[in-house]
């Protein structure tokens, strides 16, 4: 095949032109797909950011609730302890020996 002939050159140029057109179409399609993927990724990032903010709010709410419960438990325990102390102060255990278990009675006599 004579590479210098006009027909051969024309065939080569037509093939190169067709390849260039196909490559341009592929690049345009690739650009569109990249743009769609980028938009989808940006939306996903916004959704993740919103979820992260919601989780932070939930975390703060849970920490506050735990603090409130712990504070409430401490207050309840203190209140119960105060009530028990007042009951013990107001009632002499020796008054009601039948209500005192043996183990407590032994501890009291050992302490005295």
PDB file of N, CA and C in Angstrom:
ATOM      1  N   UNK A   1       0.831  -1.173   0.000  1.00  0.00           N
ATOM      2  CA  UNK A   1       0.000   0.000   0.000  1.00  0.00           C
ATOM      3  C   UNK A   1       0.880   1.241   0.000  1.00  0.00           C
ATOM      4  N   UNK A   2       0.622   2.106  -0.911  1.00  0.00           N
ATOM      5  CA  UNK A   2       1.410   3.319  -1.052  1.00  0.00           C
ATOM      6  C   UNK A   2       0.885   4.360  -0.061  1.00  0.00           C
ATOM      7  N   UNK A   3       1.720   4.689   0.965  1.00  0.00           N
ATOM      8  CA  UNK A   3       1.321   5.625   2.009  1.00  0.00           C
ATOM      9  C   UNK A   3       1.311   7.059   1.509  1.00  0.00           C
ATOM     10  N   UNK A   4       1.910   7.271   0.383  1.00  0.00           N
ATOM     11  CA  UNK A   4       1.980   8.643  -0.098  1.00  0.00           C
ATOM     12  C   UNK A   4       0.849   8.966  -1.054  1.00  0.00           C
ATOM     13  N   UNK A   5       0.044   7.997  -1.337  1.00  0.00           N
ATOM     14  CA  UNK A   5      -1.038   8.243  -2.290  1.00  0.00           C
ATOM     15  C   UNK A   5      -2.157   9.055  -1.658  1.00  0.00           C
ATOM     16  N   UNK A   6      -2.857   9.789  -2.509  1.00  0.00           N
ATOM     17  CA  UNK A   6      -3.924  10.662  -2.058  1.00  0.00           C
ATOM     18  C   UNK A   6      -5.054   9.873  -1.416  1.00  0.00           C
ATOM     19  N   UNK A   7      -5.400   8.741  -1.965  1.00  0.00           N
ATOM     20  CA  UNK A   7      -6.495   7.926  -1.433  1.00  0.00           C
ATOM     21  C   UNK A   7      -6.137   7.396  -0.043  1.00  0.00           C
ATOM     22  N   UNK A   8      -4.893   6.946   0.111  1.00  0.00           N
ATOM     23  CA  UNK A   8      -4.457   6.410   1.402  1.00  0.00           C
ATOM     24  C   UNK A   8      -4.475   7.500   2.458  1.00  0.00           C
ATOM     25  N   UNK A   9      -3.973   8.660   2.089  1.00  0.00           N
ATOM     26  CA  UNK A   9      -3.985   9.782   3.037  1.00  0.00           C
ATOM     27  C   UNK A   9      -5.413  10.166   3.406  1.00  0.00           C
ATOM     28  N   UNK A  10      -6.264  10.166   2.457  1.00  0.00           N
ATOM     29  CA  UNK A  10      -7.661  10.516   2.690  1.00  0.00           C
ATOM     30  C   UNK A  10      -8.312   9.513   3.655  1.00  0.00           C
ATOM     31  N   UNK A  11      -8.016   8.229   3.464  1.00  0.00           N
ATOM     32  CA  UNK A  11      -8.564   7.195   4.360  1.00  0.00           C
ATOM     33  C   UNK A  11      -8.037   7.400   5.779  1.00  0.00           C
ATOM     34  N   UNK A  12      -6.726   7.648   5.880  1.00  0.00           N
ATOM     35  CA  UNK A  12      -6.130   7.884   7.201  1.00  0.00           C
ATOM     36  C   UNK A  12      -6.741   9.117   7.864  1.00  0.00           C
ATOM     37  N   UNK A  13      -6.886  10.159   7.154  1.00  0.00           N
ATOM     38  CA  UNK A  13      -7.468  11.385   7.718  1.00  0.00           C
ATOM     39  C   UNK A  13      -8.917  11.158   8.151  1.00  0.00           C
ATOM     40  N   UNK A  14      -9.668  10.404   7.360  1.00  0.00           N
ATOM     41  CA  UNK A  14     -11.061  10.107   7.727  1.00  0.00           C
ATOM     42  C   UNK A  14     -11.110   9.275   9.008  1.00  0.00           C
ATOM     43  N   UNK A  15     -10.206   8.305   9.132  1.00  0.00           N
ATOM     44  CA  UNK A  15     -10.149   7.492  10.357  1.00  0.00           C
ATOM     45  C   UNK A  15      -9.778   8.346  11.564  1.00  0.00           C
ATOM     46  N   UNK A  16      -8.795   9.224  11.390  1.00  0.00           N
ATOM     47  CA  UNK A  16      -8.391  10.106  12.489  1.00  0.00           C
ATOM     48  C   UNK A  16      -9.527  11.049  12.889  1.00  0.00           C
ATOM     49  N   UNK A  17     -10.244  11.589  11.889  1.00  0.00           N
ATOM     50  CA  UNK A  17     -11.365  12.481  12.166  1.00  0.00           C
ATOM     51  C   UNK A  17     -12.460  11.732  12.932  1.00  0.00           C
ATOM     52  N   UNK A  18     -12.760  10.522  12.495  1.00  0.00           N
ATOM     53  CA  UNK A  18     -13.787   9.719  13.165  1.00  0.00           C
ATOM     54  C   UNK A  18     -13.365   9.379  14.596  1.00  0.00           C
ATOM     55  N   UNK A  19     -12.096   9.043  14.775  1.00  0.00           N
ATOM     56  CA  UNK A  19     -11.580   8.778  16.125  1.00  0.00           C
ATOM     57  C   UNK A  19     -11.681  10.017  17.010  1.00  0.00           C
ATOM     58  N   UNK A  20     -11.367  11.182  16.448  1.00  0.00           N
ATOM     59  CA  UNK A  20     -11.450  12.427  17.216  1.00  0.00           C
ATOM     60  C   UNK A  20     -12.895  12.719  17.618  1.00  0.00           C
ATOM     61  N   UNK A  21     -13.831  12.506  16.688  1.00  0.00           N
ATOM     62  CA  UNK A  21     -15.252  12.731  16.995  1.00  0.00           C
ATOM     63  C   UNK A  21     -15.708  11.773  18.099  1.00  0.00           C
ATOM     64  N   UNK A  22     -15.340  10.506  17.970  1.00  0.00           N
ATOM     65  CA  UNK A  22     -15.719   9.521  18.991  1.00  0.00           C
ATOM     66  C   UNK A  22     -15.112   9.860  20.355  1.00  0.00           C
ATOM     67  N   UNK A  23     -13.854  10.295  20.349  1.00  0.00           N
ATOM     68  CA  UNK A  23     -13.196  10.655  21.599  1.00  0.00           C
ATOM     69  C   UNK A  23     -13.877  11.866  22.234  1.00  0.00           C
ATOM     70  N   UNK A  24     -14.246  12.860  21.397  1.00  0.00           N
ATOM     71  CA  UNK A  24     -14.935  14.044  21.913  1.00  0.00           C
ATOM     72  C   UNK A  24     -16.272  13.647  22.525  1.00  0.00           C
ATOM     73  N   UNK A  25     -17.021  12.770  21.855  1.00  0.00           N
ATOM     74  CA  UNK A  25     -18.304  12.304  22.386  1.00  0.00           C
ATOM     75  C   UNK A  25     -18.119  11.542  23.708  1.00  0.00           C
ATOM     76  N   UNK A  26     -17.091  10.706  23.764  1.00  0.00           N
ATOM     77  CA  UNK A  26     -16.811   9.972  25.000  1.00  0.00           C
ATOM     78  C   UNK A  26     -16.444  10.924  26.134  1.00  0.00           C
ATOM     79  N   UNK A  27     -15.645  11.949  25.823  1.00  0.00           N
ATOM     80  CA  UNK A  27     -15.264  12.932  26.847  1.00  0.00           C
ATOM     81  C   UNK A  27     -16.474  13.728  27.326  1.00  0.00           C
ATOM     82  N   UNK A  28     -17.366  14.099  26.404  1.00  0.00           N
ATOM     83  CA  UNK A  28     -18.577  14.820  26.798  1.00  0.00           C
ATOM     84  C   UNK A  28     -19.447  13.947  27.701  1.00  0.00           C
ATOM     85  N   UNK A  29     -19.599  12.676  27.316  1.00  0.00           N
ATOM     86  CA  UNK A  29     -20.393  11.752  28.131  1.00  0.00           C
ATOM     87  C   UNK A  29     -19.752  11.557  29.510  1.00  0.00           C
ATOM     88  N   UNK A  30     -18.432  11.411  29.509  1.00  0.00           N
ATOM     89  CA  UNK A  30     -17.717  11.266  30.774  1.00  0.00           C
ATOM     90  C   UNK A  30     -17.900  12.512  31.640  1.00  0.00           C
ATOM     91  N   UNK A  31     -17.825  13.691  31.021  1.00  0.00           N
ATOM     92  CA  UNK A  31     -18.037  14.943  31.753  1.00  0.00           C
ATOM     93  C   UNK A  31     -19.427  15.004  32.373  1.00  0.00           C
ATOM     94  N   UNK A  32     -20.452  14.583  31.614  1.00  0.00           N
ATOM     95  CA  UNK A  32     -21.822  14.563  32.155  1.00  0.00           C
ATOM     96  C   UNK A  32     -21.933  13.597  33.335  1.00  0.00           C
ATOM     97  N   UNK A  33     -21.350  12.413  33.187  1.00  0.00           N
ATOM     98  CA  UNK A  33     -21.419  11.428  34.275  1.00  0.00           C
ATOM     99  C   UNK A  33     -20.673  11.919  35.515  1.00  0.00           C
ATOM    100  N   UNK A  34     -19.540  12.583  35.301  1.00  0.00           N
ATOM    101  CA  UNK A  34     -18.794  13.143  36.432  1.00  0.00           C
ATOM    102  C   UNK A  34     -19.612  14.229  37.119  1.00  0.00           C
ATOM    103  N   UNK A  35     -20.283  15.089  36.332  1.00  0.00           N
ATOM    104  CA  UNK A  35     -21.109  16.153  36.910  1.00  0.00           C
ATOM    105  C   UNK A  35     -22.256  15.569  37.733  1.00  0.00           C
ATOM    106  N   UNK A  36     -22.900  14.518  37.204  1.00  0.00           N
ATOM    107  CA  UNK A  36     -23.993  13.868  37.944  1.00  0.00           C
ATOM    108  C   UNK A  36     -23.459  13.248  39.234  1.00  0.00           C
ATOM    109  N   UNK A  37     -22.328  12.573  39.149  1.00  0.00           N
ATOM    110  CA  UNK A  37     -21.728  11.955  40.337  1.00  0.00           C
ATOM    111  C   UNK A  37     -21.328  13.004  41.362  1.00  0.00           C
ATOM    112  N   UNK A  38     -20.780  14.116  40.889  1.00  0.00           N
ATOM    113  CA  UNK A  38     -20.378  15.196  41.789  1.00  0.00           C
ATOM    114  C   UNK A  38     -21.590  15.781  42.509  1.00  0.00           C
ATOM    115  N   UNK A  39     -22.677  16.019  41.766  1.00  0.00           N
ATOM    116  CA  UNK A  39     -23.897  16.548  42.386  1.00  0.00           C
ATOM    117  C   UNK A  39     -24.440  15.562  43.419  1.00  0.00           C
ATOM    118  N   UNK A  40     -24.425  14.287  43.080  1.00  0.00           N
ATOM    119  CA  UNK A  40     -24.901  13.262  44.014  1.00  0.00           C
ATOM    120  C   UNK A  40     -24.019  13.212  45.261  1.00  0.00           C
ATOM    121  N   UNK A  41     -22.716  13.330  45.068  1.00  0.00           N
ATOM    122  CA  UNK A  41     -21.785  13.317  46.198  1.00  0.00           C
ATOM    123  C   UNK A  41     -21.985  14.533  47.090  1.00  0.00           C
ATOM    124  N   UNK A  42     -22.208  15.700  46.480  1.00  0.00           N
ATOM    125  CA  UNK A  42     -22.444  16.911  47.270  1.00  0.00           C
ATOM    126  C   UNK A  42     -23.714  16.773  48.102  1.00  0.00           C
ATOM    127  N   UNK A  43     -24.761  16.200  47.513  1.00  0.00           N
ATOM    128  CA  UNK A  43     -26.003  15.988  48.254  1.00  0.00           C
ATOM    129  C   UNK A  43     -25.766  15.011  49.403  1.00  0.00           C
ATOM    130  N   UNK A  44     -25.014  13.953  49.132  1.00  0.00           N
ATOM    131  CA  UNK A  44     -24.713  12.975  50.183  1.00  0.00           C
ATOM    132  C   UNK A  44     -23.922  13.626  51.314  1.00  0.00           C
ATOM    133  N   UNK A  45     -22.967  14.498  50.971  1.00  0.00           N
ATOM    134  CA  UNK A  45     -22.194  15.200  51.996  1.00  0.00           C
ATOM    135  C   UNK A  45     -23.087  16.106  52.840  1.00  0.00           C
ATOM    136  N   UNK A  46     -24.031  16.800  52.208  1.00  0.00           N
ATOM    137  CA  UNK A  46     -24.965  17.642  52.962  1.00  0.00           C
ATOM    138  C   UNK A  46     -25.825  16.788  53.888  1.00  0.00           C
ATOM    139  N   UNK A  47     -26.292  15.649  53.388  1.00  0.00           N
ATOM    140  CA  UNK A  47     -27.086  14.747  54.224  1.00  0.00           C
ATOM    141  C   UNK A  47     -26.274  14.245  55.414  1.00  0.00           C
ATOM    142  N   UNK A  48     -25.020  13.887  55.160  1.00  0.00           N
ATOM    143  CA  UNK A  48     -24.143  13.421  56.235  1.00  0.00           C
ATOM    144  C   UNK A  48     -23.916  14.531  57.248  1.00  0.00           C
ATOM    145  N   UNK A  49     -23.708  15.755  56.775  1.00  0.00           N
ATOM    146  CA  UNK A  49     -23.514  16.892  57.675  1.00  0.00           C
ATOM    147  C   UNK A  49     -24.758  17.114  58.534  1.00  0.00           C
ATOM    148  N   UNK A  50     -25.939  17.031  57.925  1.00  0.00           N
ATOM    149  CA  UNK A  50     -27.185  17.187  58.685  1.00  0.00           C
ATOM    150  C   UNK A  50     -27.336  16.080  59.726  1.00  0.00           C
ATOM    151  N   UNK A  51     -27.029  14.848  59.333  1.00  0.00           N
ATOM    152  CA  UNK A  51     -27.097  13.739  60.284  1.00  0.00           C
ATOM    153  C   UNK A  51     -26.102  13.927  61.424  1.00  0.00           C
ATOM    154  N   UNK A  52     -24.927  14.425  61.094  1.00  0.00           N
ATOM    155  CA  UNK A  52     -23.908  14.669  62.111  1.00  0.00           C
ATOM    156  C   UNK A  52     -24.396  15.711  63.113  1.00  0.00           C
ATOM    157  N   UNK A  53     -25.035  16.773  62.626  1.00  0.00           N
ATOM    158  CA  UNK A  53     -25.578  17.797  63.517  1.00  0.00           C
ATOM    159  C   UNK A  53     -26.684  17.224  64.399  1.00  0.00           C
ATOM    160  N   UNK A  54     -27.549  16.397  63.818  1.00  0.00           N
ATOM    161  CA  UNK A  54     -28.613  15.766  64.602  1.00  0.00           C
ATOM    162  C   UNK A  54     -28.032  14.840  65.671  1.00  0.00           C
ATOM    163  N   UNK A  55     -26.986  14.083  65.304  1.00  0.00           N
ATOM    164  CA  UNK A  55     -26.348  13.199  66.277  1.00  0.00           C
ATOM    165  C   UNK A  55     -25.705  13.995  67.409  1.00  0.00           C
ATOM    166  N   UNK A  56     -25.120  15.138  67.083  1.00  0.00           N
ATOM    167  CA  UNK A  56     -24.528  15.990  68.111  1.00  0.00           C
ATOM    168  C   UNK A  56     -25.605  16.488  69.069  1.00  0.00           C
ATOM    169  N   UNK A  57     -26.757  16.902  68.521  1.00  0.00           N
ATOM    170  CA  UNK A  57     -27.866  17.340  69.379  1.00  0.00           C
ATOM    171  C   UNK A  57     -28.350  16.191  70.258  1.00  0.00           C
ATOM    172  N   UNK A  58     -28.468  14.992  69.664  1.00  0.00           N
ATOM    173  CA  UNK A  58     -28.910  13.828  70.440  1.00  0.00           C
ATOM    174  C   UNK A  58     -27.910  13.504  71.545  1.00  0.00           C
ATOM    175  N   UNK A  59     -26.624  13.606  71.228  1.00  0.00           N
ATOM    176  CA  UNK A  59     -25.581  13.337  72.212  1.00  0.00           C
ATOM    177  C   UNK A  59     -25.698  14.309  73.374  1.00  0.00           C
ATOM    178  N   UNK A  60     -25.875  15.598  73.071  1.00  0.00           N
ATOM    179  CA  UNK A  60     -26.029  16.596  74.125  1.00  0.00           C
ATOM    180  C   UNK A  60     -27.267  16.318  74.968  1.00  0.00           C
ATOM    181  N   UNK A  61     -28.364  15.956  74.314  1.00  0.00           N
ATOM    182  CA  UNK A  61     -29.599  15.650  75.035  1.00  0.00           C
ATOM    183  C   UNK A  61     -29.403  14.459  75.966  1.00  0.00           C
ATOM    184  N   UNK A  62     -28.729  13.428  75.468  1.00  0.00           N
ATOM    185  CA  UNK A  62     -28.494  12.232  76.285  1.00  0.00           C
ATOM    186  C   UNK A  62     -27.589  12.553  77.466  1.00  0.00           C
ATOM    187  N   UNK A  63     -26.539  13.337  77.229  1.00  0.00           N
ATOM    188  CA  UNK A  63     -25.647  13.717  78.328  1.00  0.00           C
ATOM    189  C   UNK A  63     -26.398  14.528  79.380  1.00  0.00           C
ATOM    190  N   UNK A  64     -27.252  15.440  78.931  1.00  0.00           N
ATOM    191  CA  UNK A  64     -28.047  16.221  79.880  1.00  0.00           C
ATOM    192  C   UNK A  64     -28.993  15.322  80.666  1.00  0.00           C
ATOM    193  N   UNK A  65     -29.620  14.377  79.979  1.00  0.00           N
ATOM    194  CA  UNK A  65     -30.537  13.461  80.659  1.00  0.00           C
ATOM    195  C   UNK A  65     -29.798  12.615  81.692  1.00  0.00           C
ATOM    196  N   UNK A  66     -28.617  12.129  81.325  1.00  0.00           N
ATOM    197  CA  UNK A  66     -27.825  11.332  82.271  1.00  0.00           C
ATOM    198  C   UNK A  66     -27.438  12.176  83.475  1.00  0.00           C
ATOM    199  N   UNK A  67     -27.024  13.407  83.237  1.00  0.00           N
ATOM    200  CA  UNK A  67     -26.663  14.298  84.343  1.00  0.00           C
ATOM    201  C   UNK A  67     -27.864  14.547  85.244  1.00  0.00           C
ATOM    202  N   UNK A  68     -29.023  14.764  84.635  1.00  0.00           N
ATOM    203  CA  UNK A  68     -30.233  14.990  85.430  1.00  0.00           C
ATOM    204  C   UNK A  68     -30.579  13.763  86.264  1.00  0.00           C
ATOM    205  N   UNK A  69     -30.474  12.576  85.652  1.00  0.00           N
ATOM    206  CA  UNK A  69     -30.785  11.345  86.384  1.00  0.00           C
ATOM    207  C   UNK A  69     -29.800  11.145  87.523  1.00  0.00           C
ATOM    208  N   UNK A  70     -28.518  11.368  87.251  1.00  0.00           N
ATOM    209  CA  UNK A  70     -27.520  11.201  88.308  1.00  0.00           C
ATOM    210  C   UNK A  70     -27.768  12.185  89.439  1.00  0.00           C
ATOM    211  N   UNK A  71     -28.083  13.419  89.085  1.00  0.00           N
ATOM    212  CA  UNK A  71     -28.393  14.416  90.112  1.00  0.00           C
ATOM    213  C   UNK A  71     -29.627  14.025  90.897  1.00  0.00           C
ATOM    214  N   UNK A  72     -30.626  13.510  90.220  1.00  0.00           N
ATOM    215  CA  UNK A  72     -31.866  13.089  90.877  1.00  0.00           C
ATOM    216  C   UNK A  72     -31.601  11.910  91.806  1.00  0.00           C
ATOM    217  N   UNK A  73     -30.773  10.944  91.318  1.00  0.00           N
ATOM    218  CA  UNK A  73     -30.447   9.788  92.156  1.00  0.00           C
ATOM    219  C   UNK A  73     -29.712  10.226  93.410  1.00  0.00           C
ATOM    220  N   UNK A  74     -28.753  11.137  93.262  1.00  0.00           N
ATOM    221  CA  UNK A  74     -28.009  11.608  94.427  1.00  0.00           C
ATOM    222  C   UNK A  74     -28.933  12.305  95.411  1.00  0.00           C
ATOM    223  N   UNK A  75     -29.842  13.138  94.903  1.00  0.00           N
ATOM    224  CA  UNK A  75     -30.776  13.834  95.786  1.00  0.00           C
ATOM    225  C   UNK A  75     -31.686  12.841  96.490  1.00  0.00           C
ATOM    226  N   UNK A  76     -32.169  11.829  95.747  1.00  0.00           N
ATOM    227  CA  UNK A  76     -33.039  10.815  96.349  1.00  0.00           C
ATOM    228  C   UNK A  76     -32.293  10.035  97.419  1.00  0.00           C
ATOM    229  N   UNK A  77     -31.055   9.665  97.127  1.00  0.00           N
ATOM    230  CA  UNK A  77     -30.265   8.918  98.101  1.00  0.00           C
ATOM    231  C   UNK A  77     -30.019   9.762  99.348  1.00  0.00           C
ATOM    232  N   UNK A  78     -29.689  11.028  99.145  1.00  0.00           N
ATOM    233  CA  UNK A  78     -29.475  11.915 100.284  1.00  0.00           C
ATOM    234  C   UNK A  78     -30.754  12.060 101.100  1.00  0.00           C
ATOM    235  N   UNK A  79     -31.883  12.211 100.409  1.00  0.00           N
ATOM    236  CA  UNK A  79     -33.166  12.348 101.092  1.00  0.00           C
ATOM    237  C   UNK A  79     -33.494  11.082 101.885  1.00  0.00           C
ATOM    238  N   UNK A  80     -33.304   9.920 101.268  1.00  0.00           N
ATOM    239  CA  UNK A  80     -33.559   8.664 101.977  1.00  0.00           C
ATOM    240  C   UNK A  80     -32.630   8.493 103.173  1.00  0.00           C
ATOM    241  N   UNK A  81     -31.379   8.859 103.007  1.00  0.00           N
ATOM    242  CA  UNK A  81     -30.429   8.762 104.105  1.00  0.00           C
ATOM    243  C   UNK A  81     -30.840   9.682 105.245  1.00  0.00           C
ATOM    244  N   UNK A  82     -31.245  10.910 104.919  1.00  0.00           N
ATOM    245  CA  UNK A  82     -31.718  11.840 105.950  1.00  0.00           C
ATOM    246  C   UNK A  82     -32.927  11.277 106.681  1.00  0.00           C
ATOM    247  N   UNK A  83     -33.863  10.689 105.935  1.00  0.00           N
ATOM    248  CA  UNK A  83     -35.057  10.104 106.553  1.00  0.00           C
ATOM    249  C   UNK A  83     -34.667   8.957 107.477  1.00  0.00           C
ATOM    250  N   UNK A  84     -33.769   8.090 107.011  1.00  0.00           N
ATOM    251  CA  UNK A  84     -33.330   6.966 107.849  1.00  0.00           C
ATOM    252  C   UNK A  84     -32.627   7.450 109.111  1.00  0.00           C
ATOM    253  N   UNK A  85     -31.797   8.463 108.967  1.00  0.00           N
ATOM    254  CA  UNK A  85     -31.097   9.006 110.137  1.00  0.00           C
ATOM    255  C   UNK A  85     -32.107   9.559 111.133  1.00  0.00           C
ATOM    256  N   UNK A  86     -33.097  10.294 110.658  1.00  0.00           N
ATOM    257  CA  UNK A  86     -34.119  10.846 111.555  1.00  0.00           C
ATOM    258  C   UNK A  86     -34.907   9.735 112.234  1.00  0.00           C
ATOM    259  N   UNK A  87     -35.230   8.680 111.481  1.00  0.00           N
ATOM    260  CA  UNK A  87     -35.965   7.557 112.076  1.00  0.00           C
ATOM    261  C   UNK A  87     -35.134   6.904 113.168  1.00  0.00           C
ATOM    262  N   UNK A  88     -33.857   6.685 112.890  1.00  0.00           N
ATOM    263  CA  UNK A  88     -32.984   6.058 113.880  1.00  0.00           C
ATOM    264  C   UNK A  88     -32.820   6.967 115.087  1.00  0.00           C
ATOM    265  N   UNK A  89     -32.666   8.273 114.856  1.00  0.00           N
ATOM    266  CA  UNK A  89     -32.526   9.207 115.974  1.00  0.00           C
ATOM    267  C   UNK A  89     -33.790   9.243 116.832  1.00  0.00           C
ATOM    268  N   UNK A  90     -34.941   9.171 116.194  1.00  0.00           N
ATOM    269  CA  UNK A  90     -36.211   9.273 116.914  1.00  0.00           C
ATOM    270  C   UNK A  90     -36.628   7.968 117.580  1.00  0.00           C
ATOM    271  N   UNK A  91     -36.102   6.869 117.130  1.00  0.00           N
ATOM    272  CA  UNK A  91     -36.500   5.570 117.686  1.00  0.00           C
ATOM    273  C   UNK A  91     -35.302   4.876 118.294  1.00  0.00           C
ATOM    274  N   UNK A  92     -35.453   4.488 119.508  1.00  0.00           N
ATOM    275  CA  UNK A  92     -34.407   3.730 120.187  1.00  0.00           C
ATOM    276  C   UNK A  92     -34.594   2.264 119.825  1.00  0.00           C
ATOM    277  N   UNK A  93     -33.558   1.626 119.312  1.00  0.00           N
ATOM    278  CA  UNK A  93     -33.667   0.229 118.909  1.00  0.00           C
ATOM    279  C   UNK A  93     -33.944  -0.686 120.095  1.00  0.00           C
ATOM    280  N   UNK A  94     -33.548  -0.272 121.271  1.00  0.00           N
ATOM    281  CA  UNK A  94     -33.783  -1.098 122.452  1.00  0.00           C
ATOM    282  C   UNK A  94     -35.256  -1.110 122.841  1.00  0.00           C
ATOM    283  N   UNK A  95     -36.027  -0.147 122.333  1.00  0.00           N
ATOM    284  CA  UNK A  95     -37.460  -0.108 122.627  1.00  0.00           C
ATOM    285  C   UNK A  95     -38.181  -1.299 122.018  1.00  0.00           C
ATOM    286  N   UNK A  96     -37.745  -1.712 120.852  1.00  0.00           N
ATOM    287  CA  UNK A  96     -38.430  -2.779 120.115  1.00  0.00           C
ATOM    288  C   UNK A  96     -37.457  -3.916 119.808  1.00  0.00           C
ATOM    289  N   UNK A  97     -36.986  -4.635 120.784  1.00  0.00           N
ATOM    290  CA  UNK A  97     -35.981  -5.671 120.532  1.00  0.00           C
ATOM    291  C   UNK A  97     -36.503  -6.804 119.656  1.00  0.00           C
ATOM    292  N   UNK A  98     -37.801  -7.042 119.653  1.00  0.00           N
ATOM    293  CA  UNK A  98     -38.347  -8.114 118.826  1.00  0.00           C
ATOM    294  C   UNK A  98     -38.246  -7.787 117.341  1.00  0.00           C
ATOM    295  N   UNK A  99     -38.148  -6.498 116.983  1.00  0.00           N
ATOM    296  CA  UNK A  99     -38.066  -6.094 115.580  1.00  0.00           C
ATOM    297  C   UNK A  99     -36.635  -6.034 115.068  1.00  0.00           C
ATOM    298  N   UNK A 100     -35.676  -6.171 115.957  1.00  0.00           N
ATOM    299  CA  UNK A 100     -34.273  -6.055 115.563  1.00  0.00           C
ATOM    300  C   UNK A 100     -33.726  -7.448 115.288  1.00  0.00           C
ATOM    301  N   UNK A 101     -33.182  -7.697 114.095  1.00  0.00           N
ATOM    302  CA  UNK A 101     -32.586  -9.004 113.802  1.00  0.00           C
ATOM    303  C   UNK A 101     -31.393  -9.273 114.707  1.00  0.00           C
ATOM    304  N   UNK A 102     -31.075 -10.546 114.889  1.00  0.00           N
ATOM    305  CA  UNK A 102     -29.983 -10.934 115.781  1.00  0.00           C
ATOM    306  C   UNK A 102     -28.650 -10.345 115.354  1.00  0.00           C
ATOM    307  N   UNK A 103     -28.383 -10.322 114.066  1.00  0.00           N
ATOM    308  CA  UNK A 103     -27.086  -9.823 113.601  1.00  0.00           C
ATOM    309  C   UNK A 103     -26.899  -8.358 113.970  1.00  0.00           C
ATOM    310  N   UNK A 104     -27.943  -7.552 113.871  1.00  0.00           N
ATOM    311  CA  UNK A 104     -27.834  -6.135 114.240  1.00  0.00           C
ATOM    312  C   UNK A 104     -27.672  -6.013 115.744  1.00  0.00           C
ATOM    313  N   UNK A 105     -28.411  -6.813 116.495  1.00  0.00           N
ATOM    314  CA  UNK A 105     -28.343  -6.766 117.949  1.00  0.00           C
ATOM    315  C   UNK A 105     -26.934  -7.101 118.415  1.00  0.00           C
ATOM    316  N   UNK A 106     -26.284  -8.106 117.800  1.00  0.00           N
ATOM    317  CA  UNK A 106     -24.919  -8.471 118.168  1.00  0.00           C
ATOM    318  C   UNK A 106     -23.954  -7.341 117.851  1.00  0.00           C
ATOM    319  N   UNK A 107     -24.130  -6.695 116.698  1.00  0.00           N
ATOM    320  CA  UNK A 107     -23.246  -5.590 116.319  1.00  0.00           C
ATOM    321  C   UNK A 107     -23.380  -4.433 117.295  1.00  0.00           C
ATOM    322  N   UNK A 108     -24.579  -4.171 117.745  1.00  0.00           N
ATOM    323  CA  UNK A 108     -24.792  -3.060 118.685  1.00  0.00           C
ATOM    324  C   UNK A 108     -24.103  -3.359 120.005  1.00  0.00           C
ATOM    325  N   UNK A 109     -24.238  -4.572 120.505  1.00  0.00           N
ATOM    326  CA  UNK A 109     -23.620  -4.917 121.787  1.00  0.00           C
ATOM    327  C   UNK A 109     -22.108  -4.951 121.671  1.00  0.00           C
ATOM    328  N   UNK A 110     -21.589  -5.344 120.515  1.00  0.00           N
ATOM    329  CA  UNK A 110     -20.140  -5.359 120.331  1.00  0.00           C
ATOM    330  C   UNK A 110     -19.580  -3.949 120.286  1.00  0.00           C
ATOM    331  N   UNK A 111     -20.323  -3.015 119.693  1.00  0.00           N
ATOM    332  CA  UNK A 111     -19.861  -1.629 119.601  1.00  0.00           C
ATOM    333  C   UNK A 111     -19.839  -0.964 120.969  1.00  0.00           C
ATOM    334  N   UNK A 112     -20.744  -1.349 121.830  1.00  0.00           N
ATOM    335  CA  UNK A 112     -20.830  -0.697 123.144  1.00  0.00           C
ATOM    336  C   UNK A 112     -19.773  -1.285 123.994  1.00  0.00           C
TER     337      UNK A 112
END
